[in-house]
C-alpha atoms as a PDB file:
ATOM      1  CA  MET A   1     191.938  77.278  69.837  1.00  0.00           C
ATOM      2  CA  THR A   2     190.039  79.090  72.461  1.00  0.00           C
ATOM      3  CA  GLU A   3     186.304  79.060  72.062  1.00  0.00           C
ATOM      4  CA  VAL A   4     184.533  82.324  71.441  1.00  0.00           C
ATOM      5  CA  ASN A   5     182.283  83.409  74.383  1.00  0.00           C
ATOM      6  CA  ASP A   6     179.091  85.437  74.720  1.00  0.00           C
ATOM      7  CA  GLU A   7     180.811  88.571  75.670  1.00  0.00           C
ATOM      8  CA  GLN A   8     182.939  88.645  72.657  1.00  0.00           C
ATOM      9  CA  ILE A   9     179.974  87.900  70.434  1.00  0.00           C
ATOM     10  CA  LEU A  10     177.940  90.748  71.941  1.00  0.00           C
ATOM     11  CA  GLY A  11     181.043  93.030  71.604  1.00  0.00           C
ATOM     12  CA  ALA A  12     181.113  92.280  67.845  1.00  0.00           C
ATOM     13  CA  LEU A  13     177.365  92.886  67.693  1.00  0.00           C
ATOM     14  CA  ARG A  14     177.750  96.248  69.401  1.00  0.00           C
ATOM     15  CA  GLY A  15     179.515  97.283  66.143  1.00  0.00           C
ATOM     16  CA  VAL A  16     176.313  96.598  64.171  1.00  0.00           C
ATOM     17  CA  LEU A  17     174.071  99.777  63.862  1.00  0.00           C
ATOM     18  CA  ASP A  18     170.379  99.493  63.090  1.00  0.00           C
ATOM     19  CA  PRO A  19     169.904 102.289  60.471  1.00  0.00           C
ATOM     20  CA  ASP A  20     166.435 103.147  61.563  1.00  0.00           C
ATOM     21  CA  HIS A  21     167.452 103.975  65.140  1.00  0.00           C
ATOM     22  CA  ASN A  22     171.155 104.806  64.497  1.00  0.00           C
ATOM     23  CA  ARG A  23     172.101 102.656  67.598  1.00  0.00           C
ATOM     24  CA  ASP A  24     173.701  99.230  67.964  1.00  0.00           C
ATOM     25  CA  VAL A  25     171.621  96.143  68.016  1.00  0.00           C
ATOM     26  CA  VAL A  26     172.673  95.102  71.430  1.00  0.00           C
ATOM     27  CA  SER A  27     171.746  98.388  73.283  1.00  0.00           C
ATOM     28  CA  LEU A  28     168.428  98.332  71.407  1.00  0.00           C
ATOM     29  CA  GLY A  29     167.817  94.842  72.986  1.00  0.00           C
ATOM     30  CA  LEU A  30     167.277  93.103  69.538  1.00  0.00           C
ATOM     31  CA  ILE A  31     169.523  90.247  70.215  1.00  0.00           C
ATOM     32  CA  GLN A  32     167.837  87.186  71.919  1.00  0.00           C
ATOM     33  CA  GLY A  33     168.690  83.535  72.642  1.00  0.00           C
ATOM     34  CA  LEU A  34     172.338  83.658  72.112  1.00  0.00           C
ATOM     35  CA  THR A  35     173.882  80.232  71.991  1.00  0.00           C
ATOM     36  CA  VAL A  36     177.482  79.121  71.473  1.00  0.00           C
ATOM     37  CA  ARG A  37     178.659  75.663  71.098  1.00  0.00           C
ATOM     38  CA  ASP A  38     181.825  74.301  69.518  1.00  0.00           C
ATOM     39  CA  GLY A  39     182.368  77.498  67.560  1.00  0.00           C
ATOM     40  CA  ASN A  40     178.809  77.497  66.220  1.00  0.00           C
ATOM     41  CA  VAL A  41     176.867  80.641  67.107  1.00  0.00           C
ATOM     42  CA  GLY A  42     173.117  81.044  66.895  1.00  0.00           C
ATOM     43  CA  PHE A  43     170.917  84.065  67.871  1.00  0.00           C
ATOM     44  CA  SER A  44     167.629  85.789  66.952  1.00  0.00           C
ATOM     45  CA  ILE A  45     167.072  89.364  66.222  1.00  0.00           C
ATOM     46  CA  GLU A  46     163.736  90.718  67.210  1.00  0.00           C
ATOM     47  CA  VAL A  47     162.272  93.117  64.826  1.00  0.00           C
ATOM     48  CA  ASP A  48     158.937  94.870  64.266  1.00  0.00           C
ATOM     49  CA  PRO A  49     156.687  92.437  62.221  1.00  0.00           C
ATOM     50  CA  ALA A  50     155.994  95.197  59.642  1.00  0.00           C
ATOM     51  CA  GLN A  51     159.772  95.412  58.909  1.00  0.00           C
ATOM     52  CA  GLY A  52     160.788  91.748  58.838  1.00  0.00           C
ATOM     53  CA  ALA A  53     161.775  91.636  55.148  1.00  0.00           C
ATOM     54  CA  ALA A  54     163.503  95.144  55.252  1.00  0.00           C
ATOM     55  CA  LYS A  55     165.716  93.947  58.120  1.00  0.00           C
ATOM     56  CA  GLU A  56     167.473  91.209  56.073  1.00  0.00           C
ATOM     57  CA  PRO A  57     170.549  93.352  55.505  1.00  0.00           C
ATOM     58  CA  LEU A  58     170.808  93.978  59.212  1.00  0.00           C
ATOM     59  CA  ARG A  59     170.647  90.199  59.851  1.00  0.00           C
ATOM     60  CA  LEU A  60     173.403  89.598  57.286  1.00  0.00           C
ATOM     61  CA  ALA A  61     175.591  92.384  58.925  1.00  0.00           C
ATOM     62  CA  CYS A  62     175.154  90.690  62.334  1.00  0.00           C
ATOM     63  CA  GLU A  63     176.171  87.318  60.909  1.00  0.00           C
ATOM     64  CA  GLU A  64     179.338  88.794  59.207  1.00  0.00           C
ATOM     65  CA  ALA A  65     180.316  90.645  62.415  1.00  0.00           C
ATOM     66  CA  VAL A  66     180.254  87.613  64.524  1.00  0.00           C
ATOM     67  CA  HIS A  67     181.747  85.230  61.911  1.00  0.00           C
ATOM     68  CA  ALA A  68     184.779  87.607  61.762  1.00  0.00           C
ATOM     69  CA  LEU A  69     185.575  86.627  65.335  1.00  0.00           C
ATOM     70  CA  PRO A  70     188.427  84.053  65.892  1.00  0.00           C
ATOM     71  CA  GLY A  71     187.013  80.611  66.905  1.00  0.00           C
ATOM     72  CA  VAL A  72     183.677  81.126  65.135  1.00  0.00           C
ATOM     73  CA  HIS A  73     182.982  78.381  62.612  1.00  0.00           C
ATOM     74  CA  SER A  74     179.351  79.173  61.725  1.00  0.00           C
ATOM     75  CA  VAL A  75     176.820  81.672  62.491  1.00  0.00           C
ATOM     76  CA  THR A  76     173.073  81.401  62.212  1.00  0.00           C
ATOM     77  CA  ALA A  77     171.061  84.565  62.817  1.00  0.00           C
ATOM     78  CA  VAL A  78     167.153  84.597  62.358  1.00  0.00           C
ATOM     79  CA  LEU A  79     164.838  87.514  62.252  1.00  0.00           C
ATOM     80  CA  THR A  80     161.819  87.093  64.667  1.00  0.00           C
ATOM     81  CA  ALA A  81     158.867  89.344  64.831  1.00  0.00           C
ATOM     82  CA  GLU A  82     156.237  88.770  67.549  1.00  0.00           C
ATOM     83  CA  ARG A  83     152.965  90.355  67.024  1.00  0.00           C
ATOM     84  CA  ALA A  84     150.855  91.702  69.968  1.00  0.00           C
ATOM     85  CA  ALA A  85     148.322  89.180  71.109  1.00  0.00           C
ATOM     86  CA  GLU A  86     144.868  89.914  69.709  1.00  0.00           C
ATOM     87  CA  GLN A  87     142.235  90.861  72.171  1.00  0.00           C
ATOM     88  CA  ALA A  88     139.464  88.071  72.743  1.00  0.00           C
ATOM     89  CA  PRO A  89     136.088  89.199  71.558  1.00  0.00           C
ATOM     90  CA  THR A  90     133.581  90.153  74.266  1.00  0.00           C
ATOM     91  CA  GLY A  91     129.826  89.933  74.252  1.00  0.00           C
ATOM     92  CA  GLY A  92     127.713  89.479  71.174  1.00  0.00           C
ATOM     93  CA  PRO A  93     125.804  86.370  69.923  1.00  0.00           C
ATOM     94  CA  GLY A  94     127.422  83.088  70.754  1.00  0.00           C
ATOM     95  CA  HIS A  95     129.292  84.318  73.700  1.00  0.00           C
ATOM     96  CA  ALA A  96     128.490  83.606  77.269  1.00  0.00           C
ATOM     97  CA  ALA A  97     127.794  86.544  79.591  1.00  0.00           C
ATOM     98  CA  HIS A  98     130.405  85.284  82.146  1.00  0.00           C
ATOM     99  CA  ALA A  99     132.962  82.514  82.333  1.00  0.00           C
ATOM    100  CA  GLY A 100     132.002  79.323  84.100  1.00  0.00           C
ATOM    101  CA  HIS A 101     129.082  76.825  83.664  1.00  0.00           C
ATOM    102  CA  ASP A 102     126.448  77.216  81.060  1.00  0.00           C
ATOM    103  CA  PRO A 103     122.973  77.660  82.624  1.00  0.00           C
ATOM    104  CA  MET A 104     120.902  74.633  82.984  1.00  0.00           C
ATOM    105  CA  VAL A 105     118.927  73.710  79.974  1.00  0.00           C
ATOM    106  CA  GLN A 106     115.435  72.031  80.087  1.00  0.00           C
ATOM    107  CA  GLY A 107     115.984  68.353  79.248  1.00  0.00           C
ATOM    108  CA  VAL A 108     113.966  65.942  77.287  1.00  0.00           C
ATOM    109  CA  PRO A 109     110.506  65.450  78.696  1.00  0.00           C
ATOM    110  CA  GLY A 110     110.291  61.882  80.431  1.00  0.00           C
ATOM    111  CA  VAL A 111     114.107  61.376  80.288  1.00  0.00           C
ATOM    112  CA  LYS A 112     115.940  61.526  83.685  1.00  0.00           C
ATOM    113  CA  SER A 113     119.457  61.159  82.551  1.00  0.00           C
ATOM    114  CA  ILE A 114     121.492  61.292  79.313  1.00  0.00           C
ATOM    115  CA  ILE A 115     124.705  59.560  79.069  1.00  0.00           C
ATOM    116  CA  ALA A 116     127.261  60.271  76.385  1.00  0.00           C
ATOM    117  CA  VAL A 117     129.542  57.467  75.307  1.00  0.00           C
ATOM    118  CA  ALA A 118     132.784  58.076  73.228  1.00  0.00           C
ATOM    119  CA  SER A 119     135.918  56.061  72.334  1.00  0.00           C
ATOM    120  CA  GLY A 120     139.300  57.457  72.915  1.00  0.00           C
ATOM    121  CA  LYS A 121     140.703  55.705  70.052  1.00  0.00           C
ATOM    122  CA  GLY A 122     141.354  57.220  66.708  1.00  0.00           C
ATOM    123  CA  GLY A 123     140.851  55.708  63.275  1.00  0.00           C
ATOM    124  CA  VAL A 124     138.425  55.705  60.493  1.00  0.00           C
ATOM    125  CA  GLY A 125     135.458  53.637  59.245  1.00  0.00           C
ATOM    126  CA  LYS A 126     133.698  53.432  62.516  1.00  0.00           C
ATOM    127  CA  SER A 127     130.253  51.968  62.237  1.00  0.00           C
ATOM    128  CA  THR A 128     127.300  52.903  64.571  1.00  0.00           C
END
């Protein structure tokens, strides 16, 4: 039996329409990370985070379309939703005005140097 290839899988997925956009999942760029090994197929379907649960029927339709191909033994499709990175807070209390070193802080009167000592080992029950 001939093993199924990426192009056959993408061809089957082109027959699955996203009802929200009335276009196929491949042309929408929703299919990511396609892998095929010994008739076992896996891929992810990238969706809007707000619509994750609502896209479950689309995931099932994609699995069914690929599973119908000759040479496919199993299909695992997962929905993935990537949120936009949150912007780091700027300014305000507790934030340095600029990246880099902290300004020099006045030391302890009469003490020239302070040495910090730490152990790199984990564990509990350390005594001081």
